[in-house]
């Protein structure tokens, strides 16, 4: 139910894939804290995430939310947003797959072939992030793993993929576990996208 509501709000409000990813991470944090998740909490996670991730380009249509969901007032959503900020101690920074794609695109410098591969992988991610089933599978993995898995899905340049994987593994406390997660995520992605 939680994922279905998140994906429905994503479609209804036309928020970015980064905002939906952040929403999922925030909801996951609440679940870990044994916080009671209701519809208003899910909506507030989505609106907070959209404000954070899409702040320059996004207007949140609170009126539309109220028309589509049994919420009494816009103020009720705002109050829940403020309450969630308190719950998170105002620490809602989330690194998303889009951030990693941007980082890798910037690293590719003047190599147009690599930029094209990365942009294709990012496009596939954007399309697949609209799917309830794909999001439900992928949210269990760190953003960097999801990003590398999408790159692996479309690249024939294994050298580039391996170099990026090495770069990410260097900074991990447990590189073996990270590699196992990467292989598992890539396998799941292969079966859901094929």
C-alpha atoms as a PDB file:
ATOM      1  CA  UNK A   1       0.000   0.000   0.000  1.00  0.00           C
ATOM      2  CA  UNK A   2       2.789   2.442   0.857  1.00  0.00           C
ATOM      3  CA  UNK A   3       4.547   2.000  -2.486  1.00  0.00           C
ATOM      4  CA  UNK A   4       1.311   2.211  -4.427  1.00  0.00           C
ATOM      5  CA  UNK A   5       0.482   5.517  -2.736  1.00  0.00           C
ATOM      6  CA  UNK A   6       3.979   6.853  -3.404  1.00  0.00           C
ATOM      7  CA  UNK A   7       3.841   5.931  -7.091  1.00  0.00           C
ATOM      8  CA  UNK A   8       0.297   7.327  -7.417  1.00  0.00           C
ATOM      9  CA  UNK A   9       1.380  10.630  -5.845  1.00  0.00           C
ATOM     10  CA  UNK A  10       4.441  10.666  -8.110  1.00  0.00           C
ATOM     11  CA  UNK A  11       2.173  10.402 -11.153  1.00  0.00           C
ATOM     12  CA  UNK A  12      -0.455  12.793  -9.839  1.00  0.00           C
ATOM     13  CA  UNK A  13       1.980  15.558  -8.887  1.00  0.00           C
ATOM     14  CA  UNK A  14       4.546  14.937 -11.658  1.00  0.00           C
ATOM     15  CA  UNK A  15       7.429  14.996  -9.216  1.00  0.00           C
ATOM     16  CA  UNK A  16      10.946  13.964 -10.198  1.00  0.00           C
ATOM     17  CA  UNK A  17      12.437  10.513  -9.778  1.00  0.00           C
ATOM     18  CA  UNK A  18      14.770  12.033  -7.170  1.00  0.00           C
ATOM     19  CA  UNK A  19      11.789  13.216  -5.146  1.00  0.00           C
ATOM     20  CA  UNK A  20      10.074   9.832  -5.288  1.00  0.00           C
ATOM     21  CA  UNK A  21      13.351   8.109  -4.337  1.00  0.00           C
ATOM     22  CA  UNK A  22      13.768  10.490  -1.409  1.00  0.00           C
ATOM     23  CA  UNK A  23      10.148   9.872  -0.363  1.00  0.00           C
ATOM     24  CA  UNK A  24      10.815   6.149  -0.227  1.00  0.00           C
ATOM     25  CA  UNK A  25      13.982   6.656   1.819  1.00  0.00           C
ATOM     26  CA  UNK A  26      12.127   8.920   4.271  1.00  0.00           C
ATOM     27  CA  UNK A  27       9.298   6.406   4.660  1.00  0.00           C
ATOM     28  CA  UNK A  28      11.876   3.653   5.163  1.00  0.00           C
ATOM     29  CA  UNK A  29      13.532   5.708   7.935  1.00  0.00           C
ATOM     30  CA  UNK A  30      10.142   6.121   9.601  1.00  0.00           C
ATOM     31  CA  UNK A  31       9.498   2.387   9.406  1.00  0.00           C
ATOM     32  CA  UNK A  32      12.894   1.701  11.022  1.00  0.00           C
ATOM     33  CA  UNK A  33      11.921   4.107  13.825  1.00  0.00           C
ATOM     34  CA  UNK A  34       8.614   2.207  14.250  1.00  0.00           C
ATOM     35  CA  UNK A  35       6.747   5.362  13.326  1.00  0.00           C
ATOM     36  CA  UNK A  36       3.099   4.821  12.459  1.00  0.00           C
ATOM     37  CA  UNK A  37       2.698   5.312   8.693  1.00  0.00           C
ATOM     38  CA  UNK A  38      -0.643   6.650   7.542  1.00  0.00           C
ATOM     39  CA  UNK A  39      -1.756   8.325   4.323  1.00  0.00           C
ATOM     40  CA  UNK A  40      -1.038  11.822   5.648  1.00  0.00           C
ATOM     41  CA  UNK A  41       2.522  10.780   6.554  1.00  0.00           C
ATOM     42  CA  UNK A  42       3.072   9.366   3.062  1.00  0.00           C
ATOM     43  CA  UNK A  43       1.738  12.565   1.469  1.00  0.00           C
ATOM     44  CA  UNK A  44       3.937  14.724   3.718  1.00  0.00           C
ATOM     45  CA  UNK A  45       7.008  12.635   2.813  1.00  0.00           C
ATOM     46  CA  UNK A  46       6.246  13.183  -0.873  1.00  0.00           C
ATOM     47  CA  UNK A  47       5.650  16.930  -0.529  1.00  0.00           C
ATOM     48  CA  UNK A  48       8.770  17.403   1.632  1.00  0.00           C
ATOM     49  CA  UNK A  49      10.830  15.428  -0.862  1.00  0.00           C
ATOM     50  CA  UNK A  50       9.480  17.414  -3.772  1.00  0.00           C
ATOM     51  CA  UNK A  51      10.270  20.687  -2.011  1.00  0.00           C
ATOM     52  CA  UNK A  52      13.802  19.465  -1.335  1.00  0.00           C
ATOM     53  CA  UNK A  53      14.615  17.781  -4.655  1.00  0.00           C
ATOM     54  CA  UNK A  54      12.545  19.883  -7.054  1.00  0.00           C
ATOM     55  CA  UNK A  55      12.666  23.222  -5.265  1.00  0.00           C
ATOM     56  CA  UNK A  56      13.617  25.284  -8.307  1.00  0.00           C
ATOM     57  CA  UNK A  57      11.172  23.779 -10.760  1.00  0.00           C
ATOM     58  CA  UNK A  58       8.280  22.323  -8.847  1.00  0.00           C
ATOM     59  CA  UNK A  59       5.037  23.726  -7.564  1.00  0.00           C
ATOM     60  CA  UNK A  60       3.145  21.345  -5.301  1.00  0.00           C
ATOM     61  CA  UNK A  61      -0.559  21.322  -6.045  1.00  0.00           C
ATOM     62  CA  UNK A  62      -1.949  20.905  -2.538  1.00  0.00           C
ATOM     63  CA  UNK A  63      -5.482  21.566  -3.790  1.00  0.00           C
ATOM     64  CA  UNK A  64      -5.204  18.566  -6.110  1.00  0.00           C
ATOM     65  CA  UNK A  65      -4.021  16.395  -3.218  1.00  0.00           C
ATOM     66  CA  UNK A  66      -7.037  17.433  -1.148  1.00  0.00           C
ATOM     67  CA  UNK A  67      -9.372  16.687  -4.046  1.00  0.00           C
ATOM     68  CA  UNK A  68      -7.921  13.193  -4.546  1.00  0.00           C
ATOM     69  CA  UNK A  69      -7.328  12.105  -0.947  1.00  0.00           C
ATOM     70  CA  UNK A  70      -9.389  12.266   2.255  1.00  0.00           C
ATOM     71  CA  UNK A  71      -7.343  15.097   3.747  1.00  0.00           C
ATOM     72  CA  UNK A  72      -9.241  17.898   5.474  1.00  0.00           C
ATOM     73  CA  UNK A  73      -6.961  20.853   4.795  1.00  0.00           C
ATOM     74  CA  UNK A  74      -3.670  21.992   3.341  1.00  0.00           C
ATOM     75  CA  UNK A  75      -2.657  23.070   6.840  1.00  0.00           C
ATOM     76  CA  UNK A  76      -2.938  19.456   7.956  1.00  0.00           C
ATOM     77  CA  UNK A  77      -0.296  18.500   5.359  1.00  0.00           C
ATOM     78  CA  UNK A  78       1.944  21.427   6.368  1.00  0.00           C
ATOM     79  CA  UNK A  79       1.675  20.472  10.050  1.00  0.00           C
ATOM     80  CA  UNK A  80       2.668  16.903   9.222  1.00  0.00           C
ATOM     81  CA  UNK A  81       5.625  18.145   7.143  1.00  0.00           C
ATOM     82  CA  UNK A  82       6.857  20.188  10.120  1.00  0.00           C
ATOM     83  CA  UNK A  83       6.317  17.260  12.467  1.00  0.00           C
ATOM     84  CA  UNK A  84       8.318  14.974  10.154  1.00  0.00           C
ATOM     85  CA  UNK A  85      11.134  17.509   9.994  1.00  0.00           C
ATOM     86  CA  UNK A  86      11.244  17.323  13.797  1.00  0.00           C
ATOM     87  CA  UNK A  87      11.207  13.508  13.697  1.00  0.00           C
ATOM     88  CA  UNK A  88      14.148  13.580  11.260  1.00  0.00           C
ATOM     89  CA  UNK A  89      15.906  16.330  13.271  1.00  0.00           C
ATOM     90  CA  UNK A  90      15.766  18.373  10.060  1.00  0.00           C
ATOM     91  CA  UNK A  91      18.203  15.931   8.448  1.00  0.00           C
ATOM     92  CA  UNK A  92      16.446  14.910   5.246  1.00  0.00           C
ATOM     93  CA  UNK A  93      19.379  14.959   2.861  1.00  0.00           C
ATOM     94  CA  UNK A  94      19.185  11.924   0.568  1.00  0.00           C
ATOM     95  CA  UNK A  95      21.546  10.974  -2.237  1.00  0.00           C
ATOM     96  CA  UNK A  96      19.540   9.603  -5.155  1.00  0.00           C
ATOM     97  CA  UNK A  97      20.463   7.634  -8.277  1.00  0.00           C
ATOM     98  CA  UNK A  98      20.049  10.863 -10.270  1.00  0.00           C
ATOM     99  CA  UNK A  99      22.826  12.424  -8.193  1.00  0.00           C
ATOM    100  CA  UNK A 100      25.133   9.525  -9.050  1.00  0.00           C
ATOM    101  CA  UNK A 101      24.220   9.712 -12.739  1.00  0.00           C
ATOM    102  CA  UNK A 102      25.053  13.444 -12.730  1.00  0.00           C
ATOM    103  CA  UNK A 103      28.321  12.768 -10.943  1.00  0.00           C
ATOM    104  CA  UNK A 104      29.345  10.110 -13.471  1.00  0.00           C
ATOM    105  CA  UNK A 105      28.284  12.257 -16.429  1.00  0.00           C
ATOM    106  CA  UNK A 106      30.482  15.055 -15.080  1.00  0.00           C
ATOM    107  CA  UNK A 107      33.386  12.603 -14.723  1.00  0.00           C
ATOM    108  CA  UNK A 108      33.092  11.486 -18.342  1.00  0.00           C
ATOM    109  CA  UNK A 109      34.513  14.877 -19.425  1.00  0.00           C
ATOM    110  CA  UNK A 110      34.748  15.012 -23.215  1.00  0.00           C
ATOM    111  CA  UNK A 111      33.936  11.359 -23.844  1.00  0.00           C
ATOM    112  CA  UNK A 112      30.619  11.669 -25.668  1.00  0.00           C
ATOM    113  CA  UNK A 113      30.229   7.893 -25.967  1.00  0.00           C
ATOM    114  CA  UNK A 114      30.315   7.472 -22.174  1.00  0.00           C
ATOM    115  CA  UNK A 115      27.996  10.434 -21.668  1.00  0.00           C
ATOM    116  CA  UNK A 116      25.525   8.853 -24.067  1.00  0.00           C
ATOM    117  CA  UNK A 117      25.665   5.520 -22.208  1.00  0.00           C
ATOM    118  CA  UNK A 118      25.105   7.268 -18.887  1.00  0.00           C
ATOM    119  CA  UNK A 119      22.240   9.335 -20.256  1.00  0.00           C
ATOM    120  CA  UNK A 120      20.600   6.203 -21.698  1.00  0.00           C
ATOM    121  CA  UNK A 121      20.946   4.404 -18.368  1.00  0.00           C
ATOM    122  CA  UNK A 122      19.484   7.423 -16.593  1.00  0.00           C
ATOM    123  CA  UNK A 123      16.565   7.525 -19.036  1.00  0.00           C
ATOM    124  CA  UNK A 124      15.815   3.857 -18.399  1.00  0.00           C
ATOM    125  CA  UNK A 125      15.975   4.543 -14.659  1.00  0.00           C
ATOM    126  CA  UNK A 126      13.547   7.457 -15.033  1.00  0.00           C
ATOM    127  CA  UNK A 127      11.082   5.307 -16.966  1.00  0.00           C
ATOM    128  CA  UNK A 128      11.397   2.323 -14.643  1.00  0.00           C
ATOM    129  CA  UNK A 129      11.124   4.474 -11.517  1.00  0.00           C
ATOM    130  CA  UNK A 130       7.493   5.060 -12.489  1.00  0.00           C
ATOM    131  CA  UNK A 131       6.762   1.364 -12.029  1.00  0.00           C
ATOM    132  CA  UNK A 132       5.499   0.263  -8.642  1.00  0.00           C
ATOM    133  CA  UNK A 133       7.113  -3.166  -9.046  1.00  0.00           C
ATOM    134  CA  UNK A 134      10.554  -1.816  -9.965  1.00  0.00           C
ATOM    135  CA  UNK A 135      10.589   0.792  -7.206  1.00  0.00           C
ATOM    136  CA  UNK A 136       9.564  -1.813  -4.646  1.00  0.00           C
ATOM    137  CA  UNK A 137      12.552  -3.965  -5.652  1.00  0.00           C
ATOM    138  CA  UNK A 138      15.138  -1.207  -6.000  1.00  0.00           C
ATOM    139  CA  UNK A 139      14.503   0.863  -2.892  1.00  0.00           C
ATOM    140  CA  UNK A 140      16.253  -1.787  -0.805  1.00  0.00           C
ATOM    141  CA  UNK A 141      19.583  -0.894  -2.415  1.00  0.00           C
ATOM    142  CA  UNK A 142      21.811   2.158  -2.033  1.00  0.00           C
ATOM    143  CA  UNK A 143      21.579   4.739  -4.815  1.00  0.00           C
ATOM    144  CA  UNK A 144      25.072   3.999  -6.090  1.00  0.00           C
ATOM    145  CA  UNK A 145      24.238   0.307  -6.545  1.00  0.00           C
ATOM    146  CA  UNK A 146      21.036   1.121  -8.418  1.00  0.00           C
ATOM    147  CA  UNK A 147      22.938   3.537 -10.655  1.00  0.00           C
ATOM    148  CA  UNK A 148      25.695   1.028 -11.442  1.00  0.00           C
ATOM    149  CA  UNK A 149      23.094  -1.675 -12.103  1.00  0.00           C
ATOM    150  CA  UNK A 150      21.320   0.464 -14.689  1.00  0.00           C
ATOM    151  CA  UNK A 151      24.652   1.301 -16.326  1.00  0.00           C
ATOM    152  CA  UNK A 152      25.560  -2.387 -16.429  1.00  0.00           C
ATOM    153  CA  UNK A 153      22.175  -3.173 -17.975  1.00  0.00           C
ATOM    154  CA  UNK A 154      22.876  -1.116 -21.106  1.00  0.00           C
ATOM    155  CA  UNK A 155      26.637  -0.897 -21.449  1.00  0.00           C
ATOM    156  CA  UNK A 156      28.826  -2.982 -23.674  1.00  0.00           C
ATOM    157  CA  UNK A 157      31.809  -1.116 -22.248  1.00  0.00           C
ATOM    158  CA  UNK A 158      32.654  -3.407 -19.331  1.00  0.00           C
ATOM    159  CA  UNK A 159      35.899  -1.531 -18.685  1.00  0.00           C
ATOM    160  CA  UNK A 160      33.990   1.641 -17.838  1.00  0.00           C
ATOM    161  CA  UNK A 161      31.589  -0.271 -15.586  1.00  0.00           C
ATOM    162  CA  UNK A 162      34.431  -2.040 -13.768  1.00  0.00           C
ATOM    163  CA  UNK A 163      36.323   1.239 -13.268  1.00  0.00           C
ATOM    164  CA  UNK A 164      33.249   2.892 -11.756  1.00  0.00           C
ATOM    165  CA  UNK A 165      32.590  -0.126  -9.579  1.00  0.00           C
ATOM    166  CA  UNK A 166      36.196  -0.038  -8.296  1.00  0.00           C
ATOM    167  CA  UNK A 167      35.830   3.675  -7.593  1.00  0.00           C
ATOM    168  CA  UNK A 168      32.710   3.097  -5.499  1.00  0.00           C
ATOM    169  CA  UNK A 169      34.186   0.047  -3.734  1.00  0.00           C
ATOM    170  CA  UNK A 170      37.266   1.977  -2.584  1.00  0.00           C
ATOM    171  CA  UNK A 171      35.151   4.033  -0.207  1.00  0.00           C
ATOM    172  CA  UNK A 172      33.170   1.189   1.347  1.00  0.00           C
ATOM    173  CA  UNK A 173      33.814  -0.287   4.781  1.00  0.00           C
ATOM    174  CA  UNK A 174      32.754  -3.704   3.509  1.00  0.00           C
ATOM    175  CA  UNK A 175      33.445  -3.849  -0.241  1.00  0.00           C
ATOM    176  CA  UNK A 176      32.538  -7.548  -0.464  1.00  0.00           C
ATOM    177  CA  UNK A 177      29.041  -6.926   0.869  1.00  0.00           C
ATOM    178  CA  UNK A 178      28.649  -3.967  -1.485  1.00  0.00           C
ATOM    179  CA  UNK A 179      29.721  -6.109  -4.439  1.00  0.00           C
ATOM    180  CA  UNK A 180      27.259  -8.853  -3.465  1.00  0.00           C
ATOM    181  CA  UNK A 181      24.476  -6.263  -3.252  1.00  0.00           C
ATOM    182  CA  UNK A 182      25.482  -4.876  -6.636  1.00  0.00           C
ATOM    183  CA  UNK A 183      25.377  -8.309  -8.254  1.00  0.00           C
ATOM    184  CA  UNK A 184      22.023  -9.098  -6.653  1.00  0.00           C
ATOM    185  CA  UNK A 185      20.500  -5.750  -7.695  1.00  0.00           C
ATOM    186  CA  UNK A 186      21.830  -6.154 -11.236  1.00  0.00           C
ATOM    187  CA  UNK A 187      20.333  -9.627 -11.423  1.00  0.00           C
ATOM    188  CA  UNK A 188      16.944  -8.369 -10.199  1.00  0.00           C
ATOM    189  CA  UNK A 189      17.080  -5.522 -12.683  1.00  0.00           C
ATOM    190  CA  UNK A 190      17.927  -7.898 -15.531  1.00  0.00           C
ATOM    191  CA  UNK A 191      14.858 -10.013 -14.730  1.00  0.00           C
ATOM    192  CA  UNK A 192      12.440  -7.078 -14.344  1.00  0.00           C
ATOM    193  CA  UNK A 193      13.541  -5.053 -17.376  1.00  0.00           C
ATOM    194  CA  UNK A 194      14.190  -7.857 -19.872  1.00  0.00           C
END
